Protein backbone atom coordinates (compact mmCIF):
# COMPACT_ATOMS: atom_id res chain seq x y z
CA MET A 1 3.65 1.15 6.63
CA THR A 2 2.33 1.91 3.33
CA SER A 3 -0.72 3.84 2.33
CA LEU A 4 -2.30 5.85 -0.21
CA THR A 5 -0.01 8.77 -0.86
CA ARG A 6 -1.53 12.24 -1.79
CA THR A 7 -0.42 11.66 -5.81
CA ASP A 8 -2.39 8.13 -5.55
CA HIS A 9 -5.48 9.74 -4.18
CA LEU A 10 -4.99 12.42 -6.78
CA ALA A 11 -4.58 9.77 -9.48
CA LEU A 12 -7.21 7.39 -8.39
CA ALA A 13 -9.99 10.57 -8.10
CA GLN A 14 -8.93 11.38 -11.67
CA LEU A 15 -9.30 8.11 -12.94
CA THR A 16 -12.89 7.92 -11.43
CA ALA A 17 -14.11 11.24 -11.99
CA HIS A 18 -14.67 10.99 -15.44
CA THR A 19 -18.50 11.29 -15.96
CA THR A 20 -18.58 9.36 -19.04
CA LEU A 21 -17.16 6.09 -17.14
CA PRO A 22 -19.55 3.86 -16.93
CA VAL A 23 -20.51 2.44 -13.19
CA LEU A 24 -19.03 -0.55 -13.57
CA SER A 25 -15.66 0.84 -14.88
CA ARG A 26 -15.57 3.35 -12.41
CA VAL A 27 -16.05 0.24 -9.44
CA ALA A 28 -13.61 -1.81 -11.69
CA VAL A 29 -10.72 0.79 -11.28
CA ARG A 30 -11.28 1.16 -7.42
CA VAL A 31 -10.97 -2.69 -7.46
CA ALA A 32 -8.16 -2.87 -9.61
CA TRP A 33 -6.44 0.05 -7.25
CA LEU A 34 -7.52 -1.49 -4.27
CA CYS A 35 -5.59 -4.94 -5.04
CA LEU A 36 -2.34 -2.77 -6.42
CA LEU A 37 -2.34 -1.30 -2.77
CA TRP A 38 -2.73 -4.63 -1.13
CA HIS A 39 0.03 -6.28 -3.12
CA ARG A 40 2.43 -3.23 -2.55
CA ARG A 41 1.60 -3.51 1.49
CA SER A 42 2.17 -7.17 1.20
CA ARG A 43 5.50 -7.04 -0.94
CA SER A 44 6.95 -3.97 1.53
CA ARG A 45 6.24 -6.01 4.09
CA ALA A 46 7.93 -9.02 2.96
CA VAL A 47 11.02 -6.98 2.38
CA LEU A 48 10.91 -5.30 5.80
CA ARG A 49 10.52 -8.81 7.35
CA ASP A 50 14.11 -9.64 5.87
CA LEU A 51 16.22 -6.38 6.85
CA ASP A 52 18.90 -6.60 9.18
CA THR A 53 19.09 -4.94 12.36
CA ARG A 54 21.58 -2.55 10.77
CA MET A 55 19.23 -1.45 7.90
CA LEU A 56 16.35 -0.80 10.03
CA ARG A 57 18.18 1.34 11.97
CA ASP A 58 19.31 3.05 8.77
CA ILE A 59 15.23 3.38 8.17
CA GLY A 60 14.65 4.32 11.82
CA LEU A 61 12.93 1.09 12.87
CA THR A 62 13.78 -1.53 15.75
CA PRO A 63 13.25 -4.97 15.18
CA LYS A 64 10.36 -4.77 17.47
CA GLN A 65 8.43 -2.35 15.20
CA ALA A 66 9.69 -3.97 11.84
CA HIS A 67 8.00 -7.61 13.50
CA VAL A 68 5.03 -5.98 14.14
CA GLU A 69 4.43 -3.99 10.89
CA SER A 70 5.97 -7.04 8.93
CA ARG A 71 3.05 -9.17 10.67
CA LYS A 72 0.21 -7.41 9.81
CA TRP A 73 -2.53 -8.81 7.14
CA PHE A 74 -2.14 -7.10 3.59
CA TRP A 75 -5.47 -5.17 4.01
CA ARG A 76 -4.60 -3.29 7.47
CA PRO A 77 -2.71 0.14 6.88
């Protein structure tokens, strides 16, 4: 459901591409980015879990699809 978009990949690449950043800083940026991604997945799946059938139909999902997606662990794309 939520994964890195093309813009996300470009932003992450720009942040970590600077050779002036020490290696540990580049690792820290990647870890922070991953934590934000996991948080975003967790929040969006929690919201998805609370949507009613009409709202799910509006976004093109069946209740079964929403249930399967909302049950995924936050680290799973």
